[in-house]
Amino acid sequence: MEPGEKNAHKAGREFARSLTRQLRDLSDESLGELANQIAVRHPRSRLRNLTERDVGDADTKAILDAMKDEAQQTGVTMAEAGRMMLALLDAWDEVPREKWQYAAAIPTFYKRADSRLEPKNLLWSDR
């Protein structure tokens, strides 16, 4: 095999691995699990110590819809959008726990795109 052929073969193999990983990330099961993780990390869920078994269908649907919208707007996969959404919930760690009750319920939180805002901007807003 010529050196150029080796590089092309290696690049093709890496592309195939990447594509396989993306397809795995996009499976309904993986996205549903990610949506459940997001729901459990939501401030109100954390206040109530909810687990993934406590997540309702309406919450999961709202999060999946938000993941889809975020993916379309940012040009990433739904899995990547979901991981970004999960990471953004970490900002609530900086907010006193007694104020977490002011976060909107999960469906509203994601329909209004509150997840994109800093928690300090949500707590005192009149939205």
Protein backbone atom coordinates (compact mmCIF):
# COMPACT_ATOMS: atom_id res chain seq x y z
CA MET A 1 0.00 0.00 0.00
CA GLU A 2 1.35 3.42 -0.97
CA PRO A 3 1.73 6.14 1.73
CA GLY A 4 -1.13 8.15 0.25
CA GLU A 5 -3.37 5.09 0.25
CA LYS A 6 -2.53 4.44 3.92
CA ASN A 7 -3.53 7.98 4.85
CA ALA A 8 -6.76 7.73 2.88
CA HIS A 9 -7.54 4.35 4.47
CA LYS A 10 -6.82 5.74 7.95
CA ALA A 11 -8.96 8.84 7.30
CA GLY A 12 -11.80 6.65 6.03
CA ARG A 13 -11.61 4.44 9.11
CA GLU A 14 -11.64 7.49 11.44
CA PHE A 15 -14.62 8.93 9.55
CA ALA A 16 -16.49 5.62 9.90
CA ARG A 17 -15.83 5.56 13.67
CA SER A 18 -17.01 9.15 13.99
CA LEU A 19 -20.17 8.42 12.02
CA THR A 20 -20.88 5.32 14.11
CA ARG A 21 -20.44 7.35 17.30
CA GLN A 22 -22.81 10.06 16.00
CA LEU A 23 -25.44 7.50 15.05
CA ARG A 24 -25.16 5.91 18.49
CA ASP A 25 -25.53 9.35 20.10
CA LEU A 26 -28.67 9.96 18.02
CA SER A 27 -30.47 6.77 19.00
CA ASP A 28 -33.86 7.29 20.61
CA GLU A 29 -32.69 5.41 23.68
CA SER A 30 -29.57 7.55 24.14
CA LEU A 31 -31.48 10.79 23.62
CA GLY A 32 -34.18 9.67 26.05
CA GLU A 33 -31.58 8.85 28.69
CA LEU A 34 -29.95 12.25 28.16
CA ALA A 35 -33.34 13.97 28.45
CA ASN A 36 -33.93 12.15 31.74
CA GLN A 37 -30.54 13.31 33.04
CA ILE A 38 -31.43 16.88 32.10
CA ALA A 39 -34.82 16.59 33.84
CA VAL A 40 -33.23 15.28 37.03
CA ARG A 41 -30.64 18.10 36.97
CA HIS A 42 -33.36 20.77 36.66
CA PRO A 43 -33.48 22.92 39.84
CA ARG A 44 -37.02 21.94 40.83
CA SER A 45 -36.20 18.26 40.34
CA ARG A 46 -33.13 18.65 42.50
CA LEU A 47 -35.20 20.32 45.22
CA ARG A 48 -37.49 17.30 45.26
CA ASN A 49 -34.62 14.80 44.94
CA LEU A 50 -36.25 13.26 41.87
CA THR A 51 -34.67 10.34 40.06
CA GLU A 52 -34.89 9.31 36.42
CA ARG A 53 -37.81 7.03 37.32
CA ASP A 54 -39.77 10.11 38.42
CA VAL A 55 -39.45 11.95 35.08
CA GLY A 56 -42.78 12.31 33.29
CA ASP A 57 -43.50 11.99 29.60
CA ALA A 58 -44.38 15.68 29.26
CA ASP A 59 -41.01 16.65 30.73
CA THR A 60 -39.13 14.28 28.44
CA LYS A 61 -41.01 15.52 25.37
CA ALA A 62 -40.34 19.18 26.24
CA ILE A 63 -36.64 18.48 26.68
CA LEU A 64 -36.37 16.47 23.46
CA ASP A 65 -38.15 19.27 21.58
CA ALA A 66 -35.73 21.80 23.09
CA MET A 67 -32.78 19.59 22.14
CA LYS A 68 -34.06 19.43 18.56
CA ASP A 69 -34.54 23.21 18.38
CA GLU A 70 -31.12 23.88 19.88
CA ALA A 71 -29.48 21.42 17.48
CA GLN A 72 -31.12 23.09 14.48
CA GLN A 73 -30.16 26.58 15.64
CA THR A 74 -26.56 25.75 16.49
CA GLY A 75 -25.80 23.15 13.81
CA VAL A 76 -24.87 20.37 16.23
CA THR A 77 -26.38 16.94 16.84
CA MET A 78 -29.26 16.54 19.27
CA ALA A 79 -26.93 14.66 21.61
CA GLU A 80 -24.44 17.53 21.61
CA ALA A 81 -27.27 20.02 22.20
CA GLY A 82 -28.49 17.92 25.10
CA ARG A 83 -25.02 17.77 26.65
CA MET A 84 -24.79 21.56 26.35
CA MET A 85 -28.19 21.91 28.03
CA LEU A 86 -27.06 19.62 30.83
CA ALA A 87 -23.91 21.66 31.34
CA LEU A 88 -25.88 24.93 31.44
CA LEU A 89 -27.84 23.62 34.42
CA ASP A 90 -24.60 23.72 36.42
CA ALA A 91 -25.04 27.51 36.70
CA TRP A 92 -27.81 26.82 39.22
CA ASP A 93 -25.16 25.58 41.65
CA GLU A 94 -24.22 29.24 42.16
CA VAL A 95 -27.79 30.15 43.15
CA PRO A 96 -28.93 29.64 46.75
CA ARG A 97 -31.00 26.47 46.97
CA GLU A 98 -34.05 28.29 48.38
CA LYS A 99 -34.31 30.24 45.12
CA TRP A 100 -34.45 27.15 42.91
CA GLN A 101 -38.22 27.08 43.39
CA TYR A 102 -38.44 30.13 41.11
CA ALA A 103 -37.34 28.12 38.09
CA ALA A 104 -40.26 27.38 35.81
CA ALA A 105 -41.57 23.83 35.59
CA ILE A 106 -39.63 21.74 33.07
CA PRO A 107 -42.00 22.08 30.06
CA THR A 108 -42.25 25.85 30.49
CA PHE A 109 -38.54 26.18 31.29
CA TYR A 110 -37.61 24.67 27.93
CA LYS A 111 -40.46 26.07 25.80
CA ARG A 112 -39.51 29.61 26.86
CA ALA A 113 -35.81 28.77 26.44
CA ASP A 114 -35.15 29.77 30.05
CA SER A 115 -32.34 27.20 29.95
CA ARG A 116 -30.31 29.60 27.81
CA LEU A 117 -30.42 32.39 30.38
CA GLU A 118 -28.32 32.86 33.47
CA PRO A 119 -30.33 31.83 36.54
CA LYS A 120 -29.80 35.24 38.13
CA ASN A 121 -31.66 36.77 35.16
CA LEU A 122 -34.57 34.38 35.60
CA LEU A 123 -35.11 34.71 39.31
CA TRP A 124 -36.24 38.28 39.25
CA SER A 125 -37.77 38.45 35.83
CA ASP A 126 -41.49 39.01 35.39
CA ARG A 127 -41.76 36.47 32.54
